[in-house]
Amino acid sequence: MGNHMKTTIEISDPLLQRAKRLASERGTTLRELVEAGLRRVLEDEVSAKAFVLRDLRVAGSGLQTEFQSASWAQIRDAAYDGRGA
């Protein structure tokens, strides 16, 4: 085992009671249970992969000339022109 540092954490009463009960059922200590939970969370954080957006571009040469300097609102309005609402 490595070095240990004492610290104080606040845990809600219902959660603490459940954790103590589980530690007792497993024949371990509350400290060991808390450390195991922290290890799991930290390992999950490290192993989580970053989301990569797939490249779904379509062939083409970009916006039509009339829309190259248009705002998104102008492009949207043109796309829905004549389609109600």
PDB file of N, CA and C in Angstrom:
ATOM      1  N   MET A   1       0.828  -1.189   0.000  1.00  0.00           N
ATOM      2  CA  MET A   1       0.000   0.000   0.000  1.00  0.00           C
ATOM      3  C   MET A   1       0.863   1.240   0.000  1.00  0.00           C
ATOM      4  N   GLY A   2       0.313   2.316  -0.555  1.00  0.00           N
ATOM      5  CA  GLY A   2       1.048   3.575  -0.644  1.00  0.00           C
ATOM      6  C   GLY A   2       0.806   4.432   0.571  1.00  0.00           C
ATOM      7  N   ASN A   3       1.164   5.667   0.436  1.00  0.00           N
ATOM      8  CA  ASN A   3       0.931   6.632   1.510  1.00  0.00           C
ATOM      9  C   ASN A   3      -0.554   6.915   1.637  1.00  0.00           C
ATOM     10  N   HIS A   4      -0.949   7.308   2.833  1.00  0.00           N
ATOM     11  CA  HIS A   4      -2.358   7.619   3.072  1.00  0.00           C
ATOM     12  C   HIS A   4      -2.469   9.026   3.625  1.00  0.00           C
ATOM     13  N   MET A   5      -3.551   9.685   3.276  1.00  0.00           N
ATOM     14  CA  MET A   5      -3.815  11.015   3.783  1.00  0.00           C
ATOM     15  C   MET A   5      -5.233  11.021   4.339  1.00  0.00           C
ATOM     16  N   LYS A   6      -5.382  11.554   5.515  1.00  0.00           N
ATOM     17  CA  LYS A   6      -6.717  11.675   6.081  1.00  0.00           C
ATOM     18  C   LYS A   6      -7.415  12.863   5.453  1.00  0.00           C
ATOM     19  N   THR A   7      -8.697  12.687   5.194  1.00  0.00           N
ATOM     20  CA  THR A   7      -9.488  13.778   4.649  1.00  0.00           C
ATOM     21  C   THR A   7     -10.908  13.646   5.169  1.00  0.00           C
ATOM     22  N   THR A   8     -11.665  14.675   5.011  1.00  0.00           N
ATOM     23  CA  THR A   8     -13.062  14.665   5.441  1.00  0.00           C
ATOM     24  C   THR A   8     -13.929  14.902   4.221  1.00  0.00           C
ATOM     25  N   ILE A   9     -14.955  14.074   4.067  1.00  0.00           N
ATOM     26  CA  ILE A   9     -15.914  14.279   2.985  1.00  0.00           C
ATOM     27  C   ILE A   9     -17.308  14.268   3.577  1.00  0.00           C
ATOM     28  N   GLU A  10     -18.195  14.987   2.942  1.00  0.00           N
ATOM     29  CA  GLU A  10     -19.587  14.994   3.383  1.00  0.00           C
ATOM     30  C   GLU A  10     -20.375  14.074   2.462  1.00  0.00           C
ATOM     31  N   ILE A  11     -21.084  13.146   3.075  1.00  0.00           N
ATOM     32  CA  ILE A  11     -21.905  12.179   2.343  1.00  0.00           C
ATOM     33  C   ILE A  11     -23.298  12.226   2.952  1.00  0.00           C
ATOM     34  N   SER A  12     -24.315  12.196   2.108  1.00  0.00           N
ATOM     35  CA  SER A  12     -25.683  12.235   2.643  1.00  0.00           C
ATOM     36  C   SER A  12     -25.912  11.028   3.553  1.00  0.00           C
ATOM     37  N   ASP A  13     -26.740  11.222   4.554  1.00  0.00           N
ATOM     38  CA  ASP A  13     -27.007  10.151   5.523  1.00  0.00           C
ATOM     39  C   ASP A  13     -27.514   8.867   4.866  1.00  0.00           C
ATOM     40  N   PRO A  14     -28.495   8.938   3.957  1.00  0.00           N
ATOM     41  CA  PRO A  14     -28.969   7.691   3.340  1.00  0.00           C
ATOM     42  C   PRO A  14     -27.878   6.955   2.555  1.00  0.00           C
ATOM     43  N   LEU A  15     -27.038   7.704   1.838  1.00  0.00           N
ATOM     44  CA  LEU A  15     -25.965   7.085   1.069  1.00  0.00           C
ATOM     45  C   LEU A  15     -24.930   6.468   2.004  1.00  0.00           C
ATOM     46  N   LEU A  16     -24.600   7.156   3.053  1.00  0.00           N
ATOM     47  CA  LEU A  16     -23.636   6.637   4.016  1.00  0.00           C
ATOM     48  C   LEU A  16     -24.144   5.350   4.657  1.00  0.00           C
ATOM     49  N   GLN A  17     -25.411   5.322   5.033  1.00  0.00           N
ATOM     50  CA  GLN A  17     -25.970   4.110   5.645  1.00  0.00           C
ATOM     51  C   GLN A  17     -25.923   2.924   4.678  1.00  0.00           C
ATOM     52  N   ARG A  18     -26.263   3.174   3.408  1.00  0.00           N
ATOM     53  CA  ARG A  18     -26.198   2.107   2.396  1.00  0.00           C
ATOM     54  C   ARG A  18     -24.773   1.621   2.211  1.00  0.00           C
ATOM     55  N   ALA A  19     -23.824   2.563   2.184  1.00  0.00           N
ATOM     56  CA  ALA A  19     -22.420   2.195   1.992  1.00  0.00           C
ATOM     57  C   ALA A  19     -21.901   1.382   3.178  1.00  0.00           C
ATOM     58  N   LYS A  20     -22.250   1.785   4.391  1.00  0.00           N
ATOM     59  CA  LYS A  20     -21.828   1.037   5.579  1.00  0.00           C
ATOM     60  C   LYS A  20     -22.415  -0.376   5.562  1.00  0.00           C
ATOM     61  N   ARG A  21     -23.689  -0.470   5.175  1.00  0.00           N
ATOM     62  CA  ARG A  21     -24.343  -1.772   5.111  1.00  0.00           C
ATOM     63  C   ARG A  21     -23.647  -2.668   4.080  1.00  0.00           C
ATOM     64  N   LEU A  22     -23.349  -2.120   2.909  1.00  0.00           N
ATOM     65  CA  LEU A  22     -22.685  -2.886   1.868  1.00  0.00           C
ATOM     66  C   LEU A  22     -21.283  -3.310   2.303  1.00  0.00           C
ATOM     67  N   ALA A  23     -20.558  -2.409   2.922  1.00  0.00           N
ATOM     68  CA  ALA A  23     -19.217  -2.746   3.409  1.00  0.00           C
ATOM     69  C   ALA A  23     -19.294  -3.893   4.411  1.00  0.00           C
ATOM     70  N   SER A  24     -20.265  -3.826   5.282  1.00  0.00           N
ATOM     71  CA  SER A  24     -20.445  -4.894   6.273  1.00  0.00           C
ATOM     72  C   SER A  24     -20.778  -6.223   5.604  1.00  0.00           C
ATOM     73  N   GLU A  25     -21.688  -6.174   4.625  1.00  0.00           N
ATOM     74  CA  GLU A  25     -22.067  -7.397   3.911  1.00  0.00           C
ATOM     75  C   GLU A  25     -20.889  -8.006   3.161  1.00  0.00           C
ATOM     76  N   ARG A  26     -20.004  -7.179   2.671  1.00  0.00           N
ATOM     77  CA  ARG A  26     -18.838  -7.655   1.918  1.00  0.00           C
ATOM     78  C   ARG A  26     -17.653  -7.990   2.820  1.00  0.00           C
ATOM     79  N   GLY A  27     -17.789  -7.680   4.104  1.00  0.00           N
ATOM     80  CA  GLY A  27     -16.695  -7.949   5.034  1.00  0.00           C
ATOM     81  C   GLY A  27     -15.503  -7.042   4.794  1.00  0.00           C
ATOM     82  N   THR A  28     -15.786  -5.807   4.443  1.00  0.00           N
ATOM     83  CA  THR A  28     -14.726  -4.839   4.181  1.00  0.00           C
ATOM     84  C   THR A  28     -15.005  -3.576   4.981  1.00  0.00           C
ATOM     85  N   THR A  29     -14.165  -2.597   4.825  1.00  0.00           N
ATOM     86  CA  THR A  29     -14.362  -1.344   5.554  1.00  0.00           C
ATOM     87  C   THR A  29     -14.980  -0.298   4.634  1.00  0.00           C
ATOM     88  N   LEU A  30     -15.547   0.703   5.250  1.00  0.00           N
ATOM     89  CA  LEU A  30     -16.107   1.818   4.490  1.00  0.00           C
ATOM     90  C   LEU A  30     -15.001   2.488   3.683  1.00  0.00           C
ATOM     91  N   ARG A  31     -13.835   2.628   4.277  1.00  0.00           N
ATOM     92  CA  ARG A  31     -12.705   3.244   3.582  1.00  0.00           C
ATOM     93  C   ARG A  31     -12.362   2.468   2.313  1.00  0.00           C
ATOM     94  N   GLU A  32     -12.273   1.142   2.411  1.00  0.00           N
ATOM     95  CA  GLU A  32     -11.943   0.328   1.240  1.00  0.00           C
ATOM     96  C   GLU A  32     -13.027   0.437   0.169  1.00  0.00           C
ATOM     97  N   LEU A  33     -14.273   0.505   0.595  1.00  0.00           N
ATOM     98  CA  LEU A  33     -15.381   0.644  -0.346  1.00  0.00           C
ATOM     99  C   LEU A  33     -15.316   1.993  -1.074  1.00  0.00           C
ATOM    100  N   VAL A  34     -15.056   3.060  -0.336  1.00  0.00           N
ATOM    101  CA  VAL A  34     -14.946   4.390  -0.938  1.00  0.00           C
ATOM    102  C   VAL A  34     -13.761   4.434  -1.900  1.00  0.00           C
ATOM    103  N   GLU A  35     -12.616   3.864  -1.499  1.00  0.00           N
ATOM    104  CA  GLU A  35     -11.449   3.847  -2.377  1.00  0.00           C
ATOM    105  C   GLU A  35     -11.726   3.058  -3.660  1.00  0.00           C
ATOM    106  N   ALA A  36     -12.407   1.930  -3.533  1.00  0.00           N
ATOM    107  CA  ALA A  36     -12.738   1.128  -4.720  1.00  0.00           C
ATOM    108  C   ALA A  36     -13.640   1.922  -5.661  1.00  0.00           C
ATOM    109  N   GLY A  37     -14.609   2.641  -5.102  1.00  0.00           N
ATOM    110  CA  GLY A  37     -15.503   3.452  -5.921  1.00  0.00           C
ATOM    111  C   GLY A  37     -14.755   4.577  -6.621  1.00  0.00           C
ATOM    112  N   LEU A  38     -13.864   5.235  -5.921  1.00  0.00           N
ATOM    113  CA  LEU A  38     -13.077   6.307  -6.526  1.00  0.00           C
ATOM    114  C   LEU A  38     -12.176   5.761  -7.633  1.00  0.00           C
ATOM    115  N   ARG A  39     -11.557   4.601  -7.380  1.00  0.00           N
ATOM    116  CA  ARG A  39     -10.719   3.990  -8.419  1.00  0.00           C
ATOM    117  C   ARG A  39     -11.523   3.703  -9.673  1.00  0.00           C
ATOM    118  N   ARG A  40     -12.720   3.152  -9.490  1.00  0.00           N
ATOM    119  CA  ARG A  40     -13.565   2.818 -10.642  1.00  0.00           C
ATOM    120  C   ARG A  40     -13.916   4.068 -11.445  1.00  0.00           C
ATOM    121  N   VAL A  41     -14.312   5.134 -10.766  1.00  0.00           N
ATOM    122  CA  VAL A  41     -14.665   6.374 -11.453  1.00  0.00           C
ATOM    123  C   VAL A  41     -13.457   6.934 -12.198  1.00  0.00           C
ATOM    124  N   LEU A  42     -12.289   6.922 -11.566  1.00  0.00           N
ATOM    125  CA  LEU A  42     -11.089   7.456 -12.199  1.00  0.00           C
ATOM    126  C   LEU A  42     -10.654   6.594 -13.390  1.00  0.00           C
ATOM    127  N   GLU A  43     -10.777   5.287 -13.277  1.00  0.00           N
ATOM    128  CA  GLU A  43     -10.440   4.405 -14.396  1.00  0.00           C
ATOM    129  C   GLU A  43     -11.398   4.614 -15.558  1.00  0.00           C
ATOM    130  N   ASP A  44     -12.687   4.780 -15.267  1.00  0.00           N
ATOM    131  CA  ASP A  44     -13.675   5.033 -16.318  1.00  0.00           C
ATOM    132  C   ASP A  44     -13.357   6.332 -17.048  1.00  0.00           C
ATOM    133  N   GLU A  45     -12.920   7.326 -16.299  1.00  0.00           N
ATOM    134  CA  GLU A  45     -12.592   8.625 -16.889  1.00  0.00           C
ATOM    135  C   GLU A  45     -11.425   8.489 -17.860  1.00  0.00           C
ATOM    136  N   VAL A  46     -10.419   7.727 -17.464  1.00  0.00           N
ATOM    137  CA  VAL A  46      -9.240   7.544 -18.302  1.00  0.00           C
ATOM    138  C   VAL A  46      -9.569   6.724 -19.541  1.00  0.00           C
ATOM    139  N   SER A  47     -10.409   5.708 -19.373  1.00  0.00           N
ATOM    140  CA  SER A  47     -10.694   4.817 -20.490  1.00  0.00           C
ATOM    141  C   SER A  47     -11.780   5.344 -21.423  1.00  0.00           C
ATOM    142  N   ALA A  48     -12.446   6.412 -21.021  1.00  0.00           N
ATOM    143  CA  ALA A  48     -13.492   6.974 -21.883  1.00  0.00           C
ATOM    144  C   ALA A  48     -12.846   7.540 -23.142  1.00  0.00           C
ATOM    145  N   LYS A  49     -13.393   7.153 -24.268  1.00  0.00           N
ATOM    146  CA  LYS A  49     -12.847   7.643 -25.530  1.00  0.00           C
ATOM    147  C   LYS A  49     -13.543   8.941 -25.907  1.00  0.00           C
ATOM    148  N   ALA A  50     -12.777   9.809 -26.528  1.00  0.00           N
ATOM    149  CA  ALA A  50     -13.338  11.072 -27.000  1.00  0.00           C
ATOM    150  C   ALA A  50     -14.257  10.792 -28.180  1.00  0.00           C
ATOM    151  N   PHE A  51     -15.341  11.518 -28.251  1.00  0.00           N
ATOM    152  CA  PHE A  51     -16.275  11.373 -29.353  1.00  0.00           C
ATOM    153  C   PHE A  51     -15.652  11.943 -30.611  1.00  0.00           C
ATOM    154  N   VAL A  52     -15.703  11.164 -31.680  1.00  0.00           N
ATOM    155  CA  VAL A  52     -15.197  11.627 -32.964  1.00  0.00           C
ATOM    156  C   VAL A  52     -16.358  11.636 -33.945  1.00  0.00           C
ATOM    157  N   LEU A  53     -16.632  12.779 -34.492  1.00  0.00           N
ATOM    158  CA  LEU A  53     -17.717  12.921 -35.453  1.00  0.00           C
ATOM    159  C   LEU A  53     -17.265  12.357 -36.793  1.00  0.00           C
ATOM    160  N   ARG A  54     -18.047  11.435 -37.319  1.00  0.00           N
ATOM    161  CA  ARG A  54     -17.710  10.844 -38.611  1.00  0.00           C
ATOM    162  C   ARG A  54     -17.780  11.895 -39.706  1.00  0.00           C
ATOM    163  N   ASP A  55     -16.931  11.741 -40.692  1.00  0.00           N
ATOM    164  CA  ASP A  55     -16.906  12.655 -41.829  1.00  0.00           C
ATOM    165  C   ASP A  55     -18.012  12.253 -42.793  1.00  0.00           C
ATOM    166  N   LEU A  56     -19.059  13.052 -42.882  1.00  0.00           N
ATOM    167  CA  LEU A  56     -20.196  12.757 -43.751  1.00  0.00           C
ATOM    168  C   LEU A  56     -20.369  13.837 -44.820  1.00  0.00           C
ATOM    169  N   ARG A  57     -19.253  14.423 -45.194  1.00  0.00           N
ATOM    170  CA  ARG A  57     -19.327  15.445 -46.234  1.00  0.00           C
ATOM    171  C   ARG A  57     -19.824  14.834 -47.544  1.00  0.00           C
ATOM    172  N   VAL A  58     -20.436  15.657 -48.337  1.00  0.00           N
ATOM    173  CA  VAL A  58     -20.912  15.229 -49.654  1.00  0.00           C
ATOM    174  C   VAL A  58     -20.091  15.934 -50.729  1.00  0.00           C
ATOM    175  N   ALA A  59     -20.085  15.324 -51.897  1.00  0.00           N
ATOM    176  CA  ALA A  59     -19.329  15.925 -52.999  1.00  0.00           C
ATOM    177  C   ALA A  59     -19.967  17.247 -53.396  1.00  0.00           C
ATOM    178  N   GLY A  60     -19.189  18.142 -53.874  1.00  0.00           N
ATOM    179  CA  GLY A  60     -19.713  19.430 -54.304  1.00  0.00           C
ATOM    180  C   GLY A  60     -18.643  20.488 -54.175  1.00  0.00           C
ATOM    181  N   SER A  61     -19.003  21.684 -54.545  1.00  0.00           N
ATOM    182  CA  SER A  61     -18.025  22.767 -54.503  1.00  0.00           C
ATOM    183  C   SER A  61     -18.433  23.856 -53.518  1.00  0.00           C
ATOM    184  N   GLY A  62     -19.222  23.507 -52.528  1.00  0.00           N
ATOM    185  CA  GLY A  62     -19.608  24.477 -51.512  1.00  0.00           C
ATOM    186  C   GLY A  62     -20.936  25.139 -51.815  1.00  0.00           C
ATOM    187  N   LEU A  63     -21.156  26.259 -51.201  1.00  0.00           N
ATOM    188  CA  LEU A  63     -22.410  26.991 -51.366  1.00  0.00           C
ATOM    189  C   LEU A  63     -22.529  27.582 -52.760  1.00  0.00           C
ATOM    190  N   GLN A  64     -23.756  27.677 -53.178  1.00  0.00           N
ATOM    191  CA  GLN A  64     -23.999  28.367 -54.442  1.00  0.00           C
ATOM    192  C   GLN A  64     -23.573  29.821 -54.279  1.00  0.00           C
ATOM    193  N   THR A  65     -23.186  30.435 -55.370  1.00  0.00           N
ATOM    194  CA  THR A  65     -22.659  31.804 -55.361  1.00  0.00           C
ATOM    195  C   THR A  65     -23.564  32.767 -54.601  1.00  0.00           C
ATOM    196  N   GLU A  66     -24.865  32.664 -54.798  1.00  0.00           N
ATOM    197  CA  GLU A  66     -25.796  33.607 -54.163  1.00  0.00           C
ATOM    198  C   GLU A  66     -25.829  33.482 -52.643  1.00  0.00           C
ATOM    199  N   PHE A  67     -25.350  32.349 -52.097  1.00  0.00           N
ATOM    200  CA  PHE A  67     -25.406  32.141 -50.645  1.00  0.00           C
ATOM    201  C   PHE A  67     -24.037  32.226 -49.973  1.00  0.00           C
ATOM    202  N   GLN A  68     -22.978  32.448 -50.697  1.00  0.00           N
ATOM    203  CA  GLN A  68     -21.637  32.435 -50.116  1.00  0.00           C
ATOM    204  C   GLN A  68     -21.424  33.485 -49.040  1.00  0.00           C
ATOM    205  N   SER A  69     -22.091  34.616 -49.134  1.00  0.00           N
ATOM    206  CA  SER A  69     -21.934  35.642 -48.095  1.00  0.00           C
ATOM    207  C   SER A  69     -23.223  35.810 -47.282  1.00  0.00           C
ATOM    208  N   ALA A  70     -24.162  34.864 -47.421  1.00  0.00           N
ATOM    209  CA  ALA A  70     -25.443  34.955 -46.710  1.00  0.00           C
ATOM    210  C   ALA A  70     -25.307  34.455 -45.279  1.00  0.00           C
ATOM    211  N   SER A  71     -26.180  34.953 -44.423  1.00  0.00           N
ATOM    212  CA  SER A  71     -26.233  34.477 -43.036  1.00  0.00           C
ATOM    213  C   SER A  71     -26.999  33.159 -43.005  1.00  0.00           C
ATOM    214  N   TRP A  72     -26.869  32.440 -41.898  1.00  0.00           N
ATOM    215  CA  TRP A  72     -27.612  31.196 -41.757  1.00  0.00           C
ATOM    216  C   TRP A  72     -29.118  31.461 -41.863  1.00  0.00           C
ATOM    217  N   ALA A  73     -29.592  32.552 -41.296  1.00  0.00           N
ATOM    218  CA  ALA A  73     -31.024  32.871 -41.352  1.00  0.00           C
ATOM    219  C   ALA A  73     -31.479  33.041 -42.802  1.00  0.00           C
ATOM    220  N   GLN A  74     -30.663  33.688 -43.623  1.00  0.00           N
ATOM    221  CA  GLN A  74     -31.022  33.868 -45.036  1.00  0.00           C
ATOM    222  C   GLN A  74     -31.035  32.521 -45.779  1.00  0.00           C
ATOM    223  N   ILE A  75     -30.070  31.676 -45.486  1.00  0.00           N
ATOM    224  CA  ILE A  75     -30.017  30.347 -46.122  1.00  0.00           C
ATOM    225  C   ILE A  75     -31.232  29.522 -45.702  1.00  0.00           C
ATOM    226  N   ARG A  76     -31.548  29.562 -44.419  1.00  0.00           N
ATOM    227  CA  ARG A  76     -32.700  28.819 -43.899  1.00  0.00           C
ATOM    228  C   ARG A  76     -33.991  29.311 -44.539  1.00  0.00           C
ATOM    229  N   ASP A  77     -34.158  30.615 -44.602  1.00  0.00           N
ATOM    230  CA  ASP A  77     -35.373  31.171 -45.198  1.00  0.00           C
ATOM    231  C   ASP A  77     -35.505  30.750 -46.660  1.00  0.00           C
ATOM    232  N   ALA A  78     -34.408  30.734 -47.388  1.00  0.00           N
ATOM    233  CA  ALA A  78     -34.445  30.315 -48.797  1.00  0.00           C
ATOM    234  C   ALA A  78     -34.784  28.840 -48.912  1.00  0.00           C
ATOM    235  N   ALA A  79     -34.295  28.025 -47.985  1.00  0.00           N
ATOM    236  CA  ALA A  79     -34.558  26.589 -48.028  1.00  0.00           C
ATOM    237  C   ALA A  79     -36.046  26.299 -47.791  1.00  0.00           C
ATOM    238  N   TYR A  80     -36.690  27.120 -46.980  1.00  0.00           N
ATOM    239  CA  TYR A  80     -38.097  26.892 -46.670  1.00  0.00           C
ATOM    240  C   TYR A  80     -39.042  27.773 -47.482  1.00  0.00           C
ATOM    241  N   ASP A  81     -38.503  28.567 -48.384  1.00  0.00           N
ATOM    242  CA  ASP A  81     -39.322  29.473 -49.187  1.00  0.00           C
ATOM    243  C   ASP A  81     -40.372  28.677 -49.986  1.00  0.00           C
ATOM    244  N   GLY A  82     -41.624  29.070 -49.835  1.00  0.00           N
ATOM    245  CA  GLY A  82     -42.701  28.407 -50.541  1.00  0.00           C
ATOM    246  C   GLY A  82     -43.171  27.115 -49.924  1.00  0.00           C
ATOM    247  N   ARG A  83     -42.696  26.788 -48.737  1.00  0.00           N
ATOM    248  CA  ARG A  83     -43.061  25.523 -48.084  1.00  0.00           C
ATOM    249  C   ARG A  83     -43.928  25.739 -46.852  1.00  0.00           C
ATOM    250  N   GLY A  84     -44.629  26.809 -46.782  1.00  0.00           N
ATOM    251  CA  GLY A  84     -45.533  27.069 -45.645  1.00  0.00           C
ATOM    252  C   GLY A  84     -44.799  27.677 -44.467  1.00  0.00           C
ATOM    253  N   ALA A  85     -45.528  27.833 -43.394  1.00  0.00           N
ATOM    254  CA  ALA A  85     -45.067  28.434 -42.138  1.00  0.00           C
ATOM    255  C   ALA A  85     -43.904  29.290 -42.383  1.00  0.00           C
TER     256      ALA A  85
END
